Amino acid sequence: MIIYTLKTCKPVRGSLSRQIKLLKETSLKRSGDIDHQGLCAKFTLVLKLLIHQLSSFFFLGNSTYLDDHGPPPSKVLPFPSQVVYNRVGKCGSRTVVLLLRILSEKHGFNLVTSDIHNKTRLTKNEQMELIKNISTAEQPYLFTRHVHFLNFSRFGGDQPVYINIIRDPVNRFLSNYFFRRFGDWRGEQNHMIRTPSMRQEERYLDINECILENYPECSNPRLFYIIPYFCGQHPRCREPGEWALERAKLNVNENFLLVGILEELEDVLLLLERFLPHYFKGVLSIYKDPEHRKLGNMTVTVKKTVPSPEAVQILYQRMRYEYEFYHYVKEQFHLLKRKFGLKSHVSRPSLRPQFFIPTPLETEEPIDDEEQDDEKWLEDIYKR
């Protein structure tokens, strides 16, 4: 197959991996305030998806040729047939996983989950083992787990398409802080199960004191949380700084089909349905179903309060790399939305983060180092 770049219309030949690499080298240049790096490649990949869907329509339907020439060929896999959702904690992934359980039954793809919920950083051997297990799953598959980005090609595997969702870093931190202490509406005492060893003075520690007095939970490196999910498994990915930030941006451009924003979840689902219909067709109607929204009400963090402006400003300074990454992803997401005719309200970053107060329709995610068995919870909900 020959693909043409959106910018130059020059043909790009060779294997799929070479085509994608060359296409991304001819990405659109920066224009105005928006960074277009990597966007051309994303649209070319989307074009490839559409071409594959049309090919399936024309050549895999009812055919008198096949009737006259023996049995039909083996099942042709959709493109892509390998998708990884390395979900970021506290970014609404319970909602998406619940939707995926329903969609996997509806569309027949293989949803692969993990029993490990508290290990995002892996040794080299652990990376090799996990990549092997994922790569041998029946295709088409979608694998999901809280884990930092894995480079499949480094270990000789086929690099899958990645998707993910992030949110405002301070809001993610606050949800994490109060969820650990007080849980959500699924039960007043469920926080006791998640953090049974937490001392009472720690559980009721005022958020302002934690920030202003520079407690470990409210300072780096604990606050450097989102970027490692995109930077990867290198030790420097866990060190707040330009190196990890730039590597995360590069991986977003080269390996992620879509990184959405939780504050605009419906648009994220709409684009996922557009890009990956064999996984996400009908997802928005399921999400808007009253029964699904009722389940979402159960997972909102309780007793959440907003810290003082002084404390927020300190958080913002400590999380400056997280915010630079967040605004970069948000700009790319808004540009993608506009390309598909979806409206976005783009504003310049403020001196302090604008708080997004979660509604009951959004679900929360347990923290990474004390993860509960949310797969069990989702399975119980699904059985209802």
Protein backbone atom coordinates (compact mmCIF):
# COMPACT_ATOMS: atom_id res chain seq x y z
CA MET A 1 0.00 0.00 0.00
CA ILE A 2 1.19 3.54 -0.78
CA ILE A 3 0.28 6.40 1.53
CA TYR A 4 0.63 10.09 0.73
CA THR A 5 1.61 12.74 3.25
CA LEU A 6 -1.01 15.38 3.98
CA LYS A 7 1.50 18.21 3.62
CA THR A 8 3.58 17.31 0.58
CA CYS A 9 1.53 14.58 -1.16
CA LYS A 10 4.78 12.66 -1.64
CA PRO A 11 4.36 8.87 -1.59
CA VAL A 12 5.78 6.96 1.37
CA ARG A 13 6.62 3.33 0.66
CA GLY A 14 7.83 0.36 2.67
CA SER A 15 6.69 -1.48 5.77
CA LEU A 16 4.03 -0.04 8.05
CA SER A 17 6.57 0.94 10.69
CA ARG A 18 8.73 2.70 8.08
CA GLN A 19 5.71 4.46 6.60
CA ILE A 20 4.64 5.80 9.98
CA LYS A 21 8.20 6.88 10.83
CA LEU A 22 8.70 8.74 7.56
CA LEU A 23 5.28 10.31 7.71
CA LYS A 24 6.00 11.67 11.18
CA GLU A 25 9.26 13.15 9.99
CA THR A 26 7.21 15.24 7.54
CA SER A 27 4.79 16.45 10.22
CA LEU A 28 3.09 19.79 9.89
CA LYS A 29 5.20 22.75 11.04
CA ARG A 30 4.34 24.96 13.98
CA SER A 31 1.70 27.57 13.24
CA GLY A 32 0.71 30.35 15.64
CA ASP A 33 0.25 29.21 19.23
CA ILE A 34 -0.49 25.59 18.30
CA ASP A 35 2.21 22.91 18.09
CA HIS A 36 1.44 20.73 15.06
CA GLN A 37 4.25 18.22 15.63
CA GLY A 38 3.10 14.71 15.01
CA LEU A 39 -0.41 15.68 13.91
CA CYS A 40 0.18 14.86 10.23
CA ALA A 41 1.15 11.34 11.21
CA LYS A 42 -1.98 10.93 13.30
CA PHE A 43 -4.19 11.96 10.38
CA THR A 44 -2.33 9.64 8.05
CA LEU A 45 -2.89 6.80 10.49
CA VAL A 46 -6.58 7.71 10.61
CA LEU A 47 -6.64 7.71 6.80
CA LYS A 48 -5.09 4.25 6.86
CA LEU A 49 -7.84 3.12 9.24
CA LEU A 50 -10.50 4.38 6.84
CA ILE A 51 -8.83 2.72 3.85
CA HIS A 52 -8.73 -0.57 5.73
CA GLN A 53 -12.40 -0.27 6.66
CA LEU A 54 -13.35 0.41 3.03
CA SER A 55 -11.23 -2.52 1.85
CA SER A 56 -13.03 -4.78 4.28
CA PHE A 57 -16.37 -3.52 3.02
CA PHE A 58 -15.60 -4.15 -0.64
CA PHE A 59 -13.69 -7.42 -0.39
CA LEU A 60 -15.13 -9.27 2.60
CA GLY A 61 -18.84 -9.03 1.88
CA ASN A 62 -21.00 -11.63 0.16
CA SER A 63 -19.10 -12.75 -2.93
CA THR A 64 -20.08 -15.11 -5.71
CA TYR A 65 -16.35 -15.49 -6.42
CA LEU A 66 -15.82 -17.00 -3.00
CA ASP A 67 -18.86 -19.18 -3.46
CA ASP A 68 -17.38 -20.53 -6.69
CA HIS A 69 -13.81 -20.92 -5.49
CA GLY A 70 -13.99 -22.74 -2.18
CA PRO A 71 -14.16 -21.59 1.45
CA PRO A 72 -13.55 -17.94 2.37
CA PRO A 73 -10.10 -16.91 3.58
CA SER A 74 -9.25 -16.74 7.27
CA LYS A 75 -10.56 -13.81 9.29
CA VAL A 76 -9.00 -10.50 8.29
CA LEU A 77 -8.06 -8.50 11.38
CA PRO A 78 -9.08 -4.85 11.70
CA PHE A 79 -6.39 -2.20 11.70
CA PRO A 80 -5.08 -1.66 14.26
CA SER A 81 -5.64 -5.00 15.93
CA GLN A 82 -3.32 -4.29 18.88
CA VAL A 83 -4.31 -1.43 21.19
CA VAL A 84 -2.90 -0.57 24.63
CA TYR A 85 -4.63 1.71 27.13
CA ASN A 86 -1.98 2.26 29.83
CA ARG A 87 -4.46 4.15 31.92
CA VAL A 88 -3.32 7.01 34.16
CA GLY A 89 -4.59 6.77 37.75
CA LYS A 90 -7.37 9.12 38.82
CA CYS A 91 -8.20 10.11 35.24
CA GLY A 92 -11.60 8.50 34.76
CA SER A 93 -10.32 5.13 33.60
CA ARG A 94 -12.91 3.20 35.61
CA THR A 95 -15.54 4.71 33.39
CA VAL A 96 -13.64 3.72 30.25
CA VAL A 97 -12.89 0.19 31.48
CA LEU A 98 -16.54 -0.35 32.32
CA LEU A 99 -17.46 0.84 28.83
CA LEU A 100 -14.83 -1.46 27.32
CA ARG A 101 -16.30 -4.47 29.09
CA ILE A 102 -19.65 -3.74 27.50
CA LEU A 103 -18.11 -2.98 24.10
CA SER A 104 -15.96 -6.12 24.05
CA GLU A 105 -19.09 -8.22 24.41
CA LYS A 106 -20.85 -6.21 21.74
CA HIS A 107 -18.07 -6.12 19.13
CA GLY A 108 -16.19 -9.32 19.91
CA PHE A 109 -12.70 -7.96 20.55
CA ASN A 110 -10.43 -9.39 23.22
CA LEU A 111 -10.30 -7.15 26.31
CA VAL A 112 -7.14 -8.08 28.22
CA THR A 113 -6.82 -6.81 31.78
CA SER A 114 -4.33 -7.46 34.55
CA ASP A 115 -4.55 -8.67 38.13
CA ILE A 116 -1.64 -6.37 39.02
CA HIS A 117 -2.83 -2.90 40.01
CA ASN A 118 0.05 -1.44 41.98
CA LYS A 119 3.13 -1.71 39.77
CA THR A 120 3.72 0.85 37.04
CA ARG A 121 7.54 0.73 36.97
CA LEU A 122 9.01 -2.56 35.74
CA THR A 123 12.42 -4.16 35.59
CA LYS A 124 13.80 -5.18 32.21
CA ASN A 125 12.75 -8.80 32.77
CA GLU A 126 9.28 -7.72 33.88
CA GLN A 127 8.93 -5.58 30.75
CA MET A 128 9.93 -8.50 28.54
CA GLU A 129 7.49 -10.85 30.27
CA LEU A 130 4.58 -8.42 30.10
CA ILE A 131 5.23 -7.55 26.44
CA LYS A 132 5.39 -11.26 25.62
CA ASN A 133 2.08 -11.90 27.38
CA ILE A 134 0.38 -8.99 25.65
CA SER A 135 1.77 -9.82 22.20
CA THR A 136 0.52 -13.42 22.35
CA ALA A 137 -3.06 -12.39 23.18
CA GLU A 138 -5.70 -13.22 20.61
CA GLN A 139 -6.22 -10.35 18.20
CA PRO A 140 -7.90 -7.96 17.93
CA TYR A 141 -7.11 -7.12 21.52
CA LEU A 142 -7.18 -4.10 23.78
CA PHE A 143 -4.89 -4.37 26.79
CA THR A 144 -5.39 -2.09 29.77
CA ARG A 145 -3.43 -1.62 32.98
CA HIS A 146 -1.89 1.11 35.12
CA VAL A 147 1.63 0.93 33.71
CA HIS A 148 4.17 3.40 32.36
CA PHE A 149 4.74 3.37 28.60
CA LEU A 150 6.31 0.17 27.24
CA ASN A 151 8.51 0.15 24.14
CA PHE A 152 7.54 -3.13 22.45
CA SER A 153 9.96 -2.67 19.56
CA ARG A 154 12.89 -2.54 21.99
CA PHE A 155 12.22 -6.20 22.78
CA GLY A 156 11.47 -7.28 19.22
CA GLY A 157 7.69 -6.99 19.44
CA ASP A 158 5.19 -5.22 17.21
CA GLN A 159 4.50 -1.77 18.63
CA PRO A 160 0.77 -1.44 19.38
CA VAL A 161 -1.33 1.70 19.09
CA TYR A 162 -1.62 3.50 22.42
CA ILE A 163 -4.53 5.55 23.77
CA ASN A 164 -4.88 7.40 27.08
CA ILE A 165 -6.68 10.15 29.00
CA ILE A 166 -5.23 12.76 31.36
CA ARG A 167 -6.70 15.59 33.43
CA ASP A 168 -5.76 18.84 35.15
CA PRO A 169 -2.77 17.84 37.36
CA VAL A 170 -3.91 19.65 40.52
CA ASN A 171 -7.40 18.18 40.25
CA ARG A 172 -5.89 14.73 39.79
CA PHE A 173 -3.72 15.24 42.87
CA LEU A 174 -6.67 16.43 44.99
CA SER A 175 -8.83 13.49 43.96
CA ASN A 176 -5.99 11.17 44.88
CA TYR A 177 -5.36 12.89 48.23
CA PHE A 178 -8.94 12.69 49.46
CA PHE A 179 -9.76 9.33 47.90
CA ARG A 180 -6.97 7.69 49.89
CA ARG A 181 -8.45 9.10 53.08
CA PHE A 182 -12.20 9.03 52.61
CA GLY A 183 -13.01 6.85 49.59
CA ASP A 184 -16.14 7.45 47.53
CA TRP A 185 -19.90 6.96 47.65
CA ARG A 186 -19.70 3.18 47.30
CA GLY A 187 -19.41 2.94 51.08
CA GLU A 188 -18.53 5.23 53.96
CA GLN A 189 -15.95 2.80 55.34
CA ASN A 190 -14.34 1.66 52.09
CA HIS A 191 -11.34 3.93 52.69
CA MET A 192 -10.55 1.86 55.77
CA ILE A 193 -10.10 -1.16 53.52
CA ARG A 194 -7.83 0.66 51.07
CA THR A 195 -5.61 2.34 53.66
CA PRO A 196 -5.98 0.31 56.87
CA SER A 197 -2.50 1.25 58.14
CA MET A 198 -3.00 5.00 57.77
CA ARG A 199 -2.76 6.76 61.12
CA GLN A 200 -5.64 9.00 62.12
CA GLU A 201 -3.44 12.10 62.20
CA GLU A 202 -2.40 11.35 58.63
CA ARG A 203 -5.94 10.60 57.49
CA TYR A 204 -7.21 13.94 58.77
CA LEU A 205 -4.12 15.95 57.79
CA ASP A 206 -5.24 19.32 56.47
CA ILE A 207 -4.44 19.65 52.76
CA ASN A 208 -3.01 23.15 53.24
CA GLU A 209 -0.65 21.98 55.97
CA CYS A 210 0.50 19.10 53.76
CA ILE A 211 1.34 21.50 50.94
CA LEU A 212 2.71 24.46 52.88
CA GLU A 213 4.81 22.30 55.23
CA ASN A 214 6.16 20.31 52.27
CA TYR A 215 5.07 16.85 53.38
CA PRO A 216 6.37 14.07 51.05
CA GLU A 217 2.87 13.32 49.76
CA CYS A 218 2.48 16.93 48.62
CA SER A 219 5.91 17.46 47.08
CA ASN A 220 8.15 15.99 44.41
CA PRO A 221 8.79 13.35 43.28
CA ARG A 222 5.32 12.20 44.38
CA LEU A 223 3.71 15.04 42.42
CA PHE A 224 5.51 14.02 39.22
CA TYR A 225 2.88 11.48 38.25
CA ILE A 226 1.36 11.90 34.77
CA ILE A 227 4.50 12.34 32.64
CA PRO A 228 6.06 8.93 33.47
CA TYR A 229 3.01 7.20 31.92
CA PHE A 230 4.12 8.67 28.59
CA CYS A 231 7.87 8.94 29.09
CA GLY A 232 8.36 5.23 29.78
CA GLN A 233 10.39 2.88 31.93
CA HIS A 234 13.75 4.71 31.86
CA PRO A 235 14.83 5.78 35.41
CA ARG A 236 15.07 9.41 34.25
CA CYS A 237 11.37 9.31 33.39
CA ARG A 238 10.66 9.53 37.13
CA GLU A 239 12.82 12.61 37.64
CA PRO A 240 10.97 15.93 37.19
CA GLY A 241 12.73 17.79 34.39
CA GLU A 242 12.98 18.66 30.72
CA TRP A 243 14.35 15.28 29.66
CA ALA A 244 11.30 13.35 30.86
CA LEU A 245 8.95 16.03 29.55
CA GLU A 246 10.39 16.03 26.04
CA ARG A 247 10.51 12.25 25.86
CA ALA A 248 6.87 12.09 26.94
CA LYS A 249 5.89 14.55 24.19
CA LEU A 250 7.83 12.52 21.63
CA ASN A 251 6.04 9.32 22.63
CA VAL A 252 2.67 11.05 22.43
CA ASN A 253 3.45 12.04 18.84
CA GLU A 254 4.93 8.72 17.74
CA ASN A 255 3.00 6.05 19.63
CA PHE A 256 -0.36 7.43 20.81
CA LEU A 257 -3.26 7.60 18.42
CA LEU A 258 -5.18 9.73 20.90
CA VAL A 259 -4.51 11.30 24.30
CA GLY A 260 -7.74 12.86 25.50
CA ILE A 261 -8.69 15.26 28.27
CA LEU A 262 -11.02 14.04 31.03
CA GLU A 263 -12.67 17.45 31.23
CA GLU A 264 -13.95 16.80 27.69
CA LEU A 265 -14.68 13.09 28.03
CA GLU A 266 -17.63 12.99 25.62
CA ASP A 267 -15.45 14.41 22.84
CA VAL A 268 -12.75 11.86 23.72
CA LEU A 269 -15.26 9.04 23.32
CA LEU A 270 -16.55 10.56 20.08
CA LEU A 271 -13.05 10.62 18.57
CA LEU A 272 -12.29 7.10 19.79
CA GLU A 273 -15.45 5.92 18.08
CA ARG A 274 -14.35 7.71 14.91
CA PHE A 275 -10.78 6.36 14.95
CA LEU A 276 -11.37 2.84 16.29
CA PRO A 277 -14.95 1.86 15.37
CA HIS A 278 -14.24 -1.86 15.70
CA TYR A 279 -13.57 -1.18 19.40
CA PHE A 280 -15.63 1.90 20.27
CA LYS A 281 -18.65 1.98 17.94
CA GLY A 282 -21.68 3.05 19.98
CA VAL A 283 -19.62 4.06 23.03
CA LEU A 284 -21.18 7.51 23.38
CA SER A 285 -24.75 6.18 23.48
CA ILE A 286 -23.72 3.64 26.13
CA TYR A 287 -21.99 6.33 28.16
CA LYS A 288 -25.09 8.55 28.05
CA ASP A 289 -27.39 5.73 29.10
CA PRO A 290 -29.04 6.55 32.46
CA GLU A 291 -28.05 3.19 33.94
CA HIS A 292 -24.38 3.79 33.19
CA ARG A 293 -24.56 7.29 34.65
CA LYS A 294 -26.12 5.87 37.78
CA LEU A 295 -23.05 3.65 38.25
CA GLY A 296 -20.80 6.65 37.77
CA ASN A 297 -22.41 8.38 40.72
CA MET A 298 -20.95 5.74 43.04
CA THR A 299 -17.32 6.52 42.39
CA VAL A 300 -17.09 10.24 43.10
CA THR A 301 -14.53 11.06 45.78
CA VAL A 302 -16.12 12.37 48.98
CA LYS A 303 -15.04 15.13 51.39
CA LYS A 304 -12.96 16.81 48.70
CA THR A 305 -12.03 20.41 49.49
CA VAL A 306 -10.09 23.04 47.57
CA PRO A 307 -6.83 24.25 49.14
CA SER A 308 -6.08 27.92 49.70
CA PRO A 309 -4.88 30.09 46.79
CA GLU A 310 -1.41 30.19 48.35
CA ALA A 311 -1.26 26.40 48.54
CA VAL A 312 -2.55 26.05 44.98
CA GLN A 313 0.13 28.42 43.71
CA ILE A 314 2.82 26.33 45.42
CA LEU A 315 1.37 23.15 43.90
CA TYR A 316 1.36 24.77 40.49
CA GLN A 317 5.04 25.68 40.81
CA ARG A 318 5.95 22.16 41.96
CA MET A 319 3.99 20.66 39.09
CA ARG A 320 5.19 23.02 36.35
CA TYR A 321 6.43 20.17 34.15
CA GLU A 322 3.14 18.32 34.61
CA TYR A 323 1.28 21.45 33.52
CA GLU A 324 3.50 22.04 30.52
CA PHE A 325 2.75 18.50 29.40
CA TYR A 326 -0.97 18.88 30.17
CA HIS A 327 -1.25 22.09 28.12
CA TYR A 328 0.71 20.51 25.26
CA VAL A 329 -1.65 17.51 25.14
CA LYS A 330 -4.68 19.77 25.48
CA GLU A 331 -3.60 21.92 22.52
CA GLN A 332 -3.03 18.83 20.39
CA PHE A 333 -6.42 17.45 21.42
CA HIS A 334 -8.20 20.71 20.58
CA LEU A 335 -6.48 20.90 17.22
CA LEU A 336 -7.60 17.36 16.48
CA LYS A 337 -11.16 18.23 17.48
CA ARG A 338 -11.21 21.23 15.17
CA LYS A 339 -9.97 19.10 12.28
CA PHE A 340 -13.06 16.93 12.80
CA GLY A 341 -15.46 19.84 13.23
CA LEU A 342 -15.75 19.76 17.02
CA LYS A 343 -15.70 23.11 18.80
CA SER A 344 -13.17 23.86 21.53
CA HIS A 345 -12.76 26.82 23.80
CA VAL A 346 -9.02 27.48 23.76
CA SER A 347 -7.65 29.94 26.28
CA ARG A 348 -4.17 30.90 27.33
CA PRO A 349 -2.83 29.15 30.45
CA SER A 350 -3.57 31.17 33.58
CA LEU A 351 -1.08 31.97 36.32
CA ARG A 352 -2.79 29.35 38.42
CA PRO A 353 -4.74 26.28 37.25
CA GLN A 354 -8.43 26.71 36.66
CA PHE A 355 -10.18 24.14 38.80
CA PHE A 356 -12.47 21.70 37.15
CA ILE A 357 -14.99 20.52 39.72
CA PRO A 358 -15.94 16.90 38.91
CA THR A 359 -19.58 16.06 38.40
CA PRO A 360 -21.17 12.79 39.52
CA LEU A 361 -20.89 11.50 35.94
CA GLU A 362 -17.12 11.23 36.17
CA THR A 363 -15.46 8.40 37.97
CA GLU A 364 -12.35 8.48 40.05
CA GLU A 365 -9.31 6.25 40.02
CA PRO A 366 -7.43 4.72 42.98
CA ILE A 367 -3.87 5.79 43.59
CA ASP A 368 -1.13 3.82 41.97
CA ASP A 369 0.78 2.58 45.02
CA GLU A 370 -2.26 1.41 46.97
CA GLU A 371 -4.48 0.24 44.15
CA GLN A 372 -7.61 -1.63 45.02
CA ASP A 373 -8.91 -4.48 42.91
CA ASP A 374 -11.08 -2.29 40.70
CA GLU A 375 -11.33 -5.08 38.12
CA LYS A 376 -13.29 -7.12 40.69
CA TRP A 377 -15.55 -4.15 41.36
CA LEU A 378 -16.15 -3.64 37.65
CA GLU A 379 -16.89 -7.33 37.19
CA ASP A 380 -19.48 -7.22 39.98
CA ILE A 381 -21.10 -4.15 38.46
CA TYR A 382 -21.10 -5.71 35.00
CA LYS A 383 -22.85 -8.85 36.27
CA ARG A 384 -25.76 -6.74 37.46
